[in-house]
């Protein structure tokens, strides 16, 4: 499976609201989120994809080595898989999804830029 996205399919790109990885909607449907699948359960669920990913995002970062990248640290992407990530993702996760994330032991940090002012 290739990661190339032809221009005709770029409107199908979505960003995960938890980790901000950007993929085609069809890839979220068939493979889920490579970082968050255990608690988001996107595979085969259009409803979960609509609730937990967004078509509205800003900027793209390509990470080859998230463990060594200062950009990964700046964007809080350390420990995630290599890939293409959005700088900001617009959207609000449902409260039950946030509860599932935290129950899985993951600290949820909104990817819309609002958390940057809290530090």
Protein backbone atom coordinates (compact mmCIF):
# COMPACT_ATOMS: atom_id res chain seq x y z
CA UNK A 1 0.00 0.00 0.00
CA UNK A 2 1.41 3.39 -0.97
CA UNK A 3 1.21 6.65 0.95
CA UNK A 4 1.02 8.74 -2.23
CA UNK A 5 -2.17 10.77 -2.46
CA UNK A 6 -3.07 11.91 -5.98
CA UNK A 7 -4.51 15.42 -6.28
CA UNK A 8 -7.92 13.98 -7.12
CA UNK A 9 -8.11 12.34 -3.67
CA UNK A 10 -6.74 15.17 -1.52
CA UNK A 11 -10.27 16.18 -0.51
CA UNK A 12 -10.52 12.77 1.21
CA UNK A 13 -7.68 13.58 3.61
CA UNK A 14 -8.58 13.66 7.31
CA UNK A 15 -6.57 14.29 10.44
CA UNK A 16 -6.96 12.36 13.68
CA UNK A 17 -8.15 14.74 16.42
CA UNK A 18 -6.07 12.89 19.02
CA UNK A 19 -2.63 12.46 17.42
CA UNK A 20 -3.08 14.66 14.28
CA UNK A 21 -1.84 12.07 11.75
CA UNK A 22 -3.21 12.80 8.27
CA UNK A 23 -4.49 9.95 6.08
CA UNK A 24 -7.12 9.26 3.46
CA UNK A 25 -10.56 8.57 4.89
CA UNK A 26 -10.44 5.14 3.24
CA UNK A 27 -7.18 4.35 5.07
CA UNK A 28 -8.72 5.25 8.44
CA UNK A 29 -11.62 2.97 7.47
CA UNK A 30 -9.46 -0.01 6.49
CA UNK A 31 -6.46 0.35 8.84
CA UNK A 32 -7.57 2.78 11.54
CA UNK A 33 -5.25 5.27 13.20
CA UNK A 34 -1.73 3.85 13.63
CA UNK A 35 -1.34 5.69 16.96
CA UNK A 36 -4.84 5.67 18.48
CA UNK A 37 -6.70 2.63 17.12
CA UNK A 38 -6.84 0.78 20.45
CA UNK A 39 -9.22 3.36 21.94
CA UNK A 40 -10.73 5.13 18.88
CA UNK A 41 -11.72 1.93 17.03
CA UNK A 42 -11.91 3.55 13.60
CA UNK A 43 -11.56 0.39 11.48
CA UNK A 44 -14.82 -0.21 9.67
CA UNK A 45 -16.71 2.55 11.51
CA UNK A 46 -17.76 5.60 9.47
CA UNK A 47 -19.38 7.07 12.60
CA UNK A 48 -16.15 6.90 14.62
CA UNK A 49 -14.16 8.32 11.69
CA UNK A 50 -16.58 11.26 11.44
CA UNK A 51 -16.43 11.90 15.20
CA UNK A 52 -12.69 11.44 15.75
CA UNK A 53 -11.08 12.82 12.58
CA UNK A 54 -11.47 16.14 10.81
CA UNK A 55 -11.21 17.42 7.26
CA UNK A 56 -10.29 20.84 8.66
CA UNK A 57 -6.61 21.09 9.56
CA UNK A 58 -3.69 23.47 9.07
CA UNK A 59 -0.11 22.84 8.03
CA UNK A 60 1.62 19.54 7.40
CA UNK A 61 4.69 18.06 9.06
CA UNK A 62 6.44 15.00 7.70
CA UNK A 63 8.13 12.99 10.45
CA UNK A 64 10.65 10.34 9.55
CA UNK A 65 12.05 9.84 13.08
CA UNK A 66 9.64 11.17 15.72
CA UNK A 67 11.98 10.08 18.54
CA UNK A 68 14.81 12.35 17.35
CA UNK A 69 12.89 15.29 15.90
CA UNK A 70 12.66 18.64 17.70
CA UNK A 71 9.50 19.29 15.66
CA UNK A 72 7.99 16.09 17.08
CA UNK A 73 8.76 17.32 20.58
CA UNK A 74 7.34 20.78 19.83
CA UNK A 75 4.13 19.24 18.41
CA UNK A 76 3.94 16.55 21.13
CA UNK A 77 4.32 13.74 18.58
CA UNK A 78 7.05 11.79 20.37
CA UNK A 79 6.37 8.06 20.40
CA UNK A 80 4.10 8.16 17.37
CA UNK A 81 4.71 6.36 14.08
CA UNK A 82 6.52 8.13 11.22
CA UNK A 83 4.10 9.86 8.87
CA UNK A 84 2.44 13.12 7.91
CA UNK A 85 0.87 15.13 10.74
CA UNK A 86 -1.21 18.30 10.85
CA UNK A 87 0.03 21.30 12.84
CA UNK A 88 -3.53 22.08 14.00
CA UNK A 89 -6.71 20.03 13.74
CA UNK A 90 -10.10 21.73 14.07
CA UNK A 91 -12.83 19.78 15.81
CA UNK A 92 -14.24 18.75 19.16
CA UNK A 93 -14.23 15.15 20.34
CA UNK A 94 -17.37 13.83 22.03
CA UNK A 95 -17.06 13.56 25.83
CA UNK A 96 -17.37 9.74 25.73
CA UNK A 97 -14.38 9.54 23.36
CA UNK A 98 -12.29 11.74 25.67
CA UNK A 99 -13.27 9.46 28.57
CA UNK A 100 -12.20 6.37 26.55
CA UNK A 101 -8.85 8.01 25.72
CA UNK A 102 -8.15 8.82 29.36
CA UNK A 103 -9.33 5.35 30.46
CA UNK A 104 -6.65 3.94 28.12
CA UNK A 105 -4.06 5.93 30.08
CA UNK A 106 -3.49 8.59 27.41
CA UNK A 107 -3.54 12.27 28.32
CA UNK A 108 -5.74 14.00 25.76
CA UNK A 109 -4.33 17.27 24.45
CA UNK A 110 -6.58 19.11 21.97
CA UNK A 111 -4.84 19.54 18.60
CA UNK A 112 -6.57 22.83 17.76
CA UNK A 113 -3.89 24.97 19.41
CA UNK A 114 -5.94 25.78 22.51
CA UNK A 115 -3.69 23.66 24.79
CA UNK A 116 -0.60 25.73 23.93
CA UNK A 117 -1.86 28.60 26.10
CA UNK A 118 -2.40 26.34 29.12
CA UNK A 119 1.27 25.49 29.64
